[in-house]
C-alpha cells in the first residue's frame, strides 16, 4: 500500500488555500479597518502595499509562492517518513 503524496497536488492545494485566505483577509481588512492586519502583510510579503491593485496582486502571487515553498519542503519529508514507517511494519 503506497501512501506517497503528489507534490503537484499538495503544491496547488496548499497554494490555493493560502491565496484564498490572503484574499479573504484583505477583504476583511477593507470591511473592518479597526481589525485590519495589513501591517503584518506588509512585513510578510515584500512589495505588498495597502490599497493598491498592484500591491494586492504582488501579495497574491507571493502567497501562492509560500504555498509551494511549504509543499516543496513538507511533501518529501512526509513521503520519506511514510515510507520508513511502512518498512518498519513489513
Protein backbone atom coordinates (compact mmCIF):
# COMPACT_ATOMS: atom_id res chain seq x y z
CA UNK A 1 0.00 0.00 0.00
CA UNK A 2 1.51 3.29 -1.13
CA UNK A 3 0.85 6.41 0.91
CA UNK A 4 3.01 8.79 -1.12
CA UNK A 5 1.70 12.29 -1.64
CA UNK A 6 1.79 14.02 -5.00
CA UNK A 7 3.97 17.12 -4.89
CA UNK A 8 1.86 18.77 -7.59
CA UNK A 9 -1.42 18.13 -5.78
CA UNK A 10 -0.09 19.32 -2.42
CA UNK A 11 1.57 22.34 -4.04
CA UNK A 12 -1.54 23.56 -5.82
CA UNK A 13 -3.90 22.75 -2.93
CA UNK A 14 -1.73 24.50 -0.33
CA UNK A 15 -1.03 27.47 -2.58
CA UNK A 16 -4.69 27.98 -3.39
CA UNK A 17 -5.60 27.67 0.28
CA UNK A 18 -3.09 30.37 1.25
CA UNK A 19 -4.03 32.62 -1.71
CA UNK A 20 -7.75 32.36 -0.87
CA UNK A 21 -7.02 33.01 2.81
CA UNK A 22 -4.94 36.05 1.87
CA UNK A 23 -7.74 37.41 -0.34
CA UNK A 24 -10.33 36.89 2.40
CA UNK A 25 -8.06 38.63 4.93
CA UNK A 26 -7.62 41.63 2.64
CA UNK A 27 -11.39 41.79 2.11
CA UNK A 28 -11.93 41.55 5.88
CA UNK A 29 -9.44 44.40 6.39
CA UNK A 30 -11.41 46.55 3.94
CA UNK A 31 -14.73 45.78 5.64
CA UNK A 32 -13.45 46.13 9.21
CA UNK A 33 -10.48 48.53 9.21
CA UNK A 34 -10.39 48.67 13.01
CA UNK A 35 -9.32 44.98 13.00
CA UNK A 36 -7.02 45.20 10.00
CA UNK A 37 -3.77 43.30 9.78
CA UNK A 38 -2.36 44.87 6.65
CA UNK A 39 0.72 45.86 8.67
CA UNK A 40 1.51 42.15 9.03
CA UNK A 41 1.06 41.60 5.28
CA UNK A 42 3.47 44.47 4.58
CA UNK A 43 6.11 42.72 6.70
CA UNK A 44 5.50 39.20 5.39
CA UNK A 45 5.03 39.97 1.69
CA UNK A 46 7.73 42.18 0.11
CA UNK A 47 6.19 44.56 -2.41
CA UNK A 48 2.71 44.42 -0.86
CA UNK A 49 1.23 47.86 -0.42
CA UNK A 50 -2.09 48.64 1.17
CA UNK A 51 -4.95 49.87 -1.04
CA UNK A 52 -3.33 49.40 -4.44
CA UNK A 53 -4.16 46.79 -7.06
CA UNK A 54 -0.51 46.11 -7.96
CA UNK A 55 0.30 45.65 -4.27
CA UNK A 56 -2.61 43.25 -3.83
CA UNK A 57 -1.59 41.13 -6.82
CA UNK A 58 2.05 41.04 -5.74
CA UNK A 59 0.86 39.79 -2.35
CA UNK A 60 -1.38 37.22 -4.03
CA UNK A 61 1.49 35.85 -6.12
CA UNK A 62 3.75 35.75 -3.08
CA UNK A 63 1.07 33.97 -1.01
CA UNK A 64 0.78 31.37 -3.78
CA UNK A 65 4.57 31.04 -3.75
CA UNK A 66 4.60 30.47 0.02
CA UNK A 67 2.21 27.56 -0.55
CA UNK A 68 4.65 25.99 -3.00
CA UNK A 69 7.53 26.56 -0.60
CA UNK A 70 5.58 24.69 2.09
CA UNK A 71 4.76 21.86 -0.33
CA UNK A 72 8.35 21.56 -1.57
CA UNK A 73 9.58 21.11 2.00
CA UNK A 74 6.72 19.19 3.61
CA UNK A 75 5.74 16.67 0.90
CA UNK A 76 9.17 14.99 0.51
CA UNK A 77 9.54 14.86 4.30
CA UNK A 78 6.13 13.21 4.61
CA UNK A 79 6.93 10.72 1.86
CA UNK A 80 10.27 9.75 3.47
CA UNK A 81 8.79 9.22 6.91
CA UNK A 82 5.76 7.44 5.49
CA UNK A 83 7.99 5.02 3.57
CA UNK A 84 10.10 4.40 6.68
CA UNK A 85 7.07 3.62 8.80
CA UNK A 86 5.75 1.20 6.13
CA UNK A 87 9.10 -0.61 6.13
CA UNK A 88 9.01 -0.90 9.91
CA UNK A 89 5.69 -2.72 9.78
CA UNK A 90 6.54 -5.14 6.95
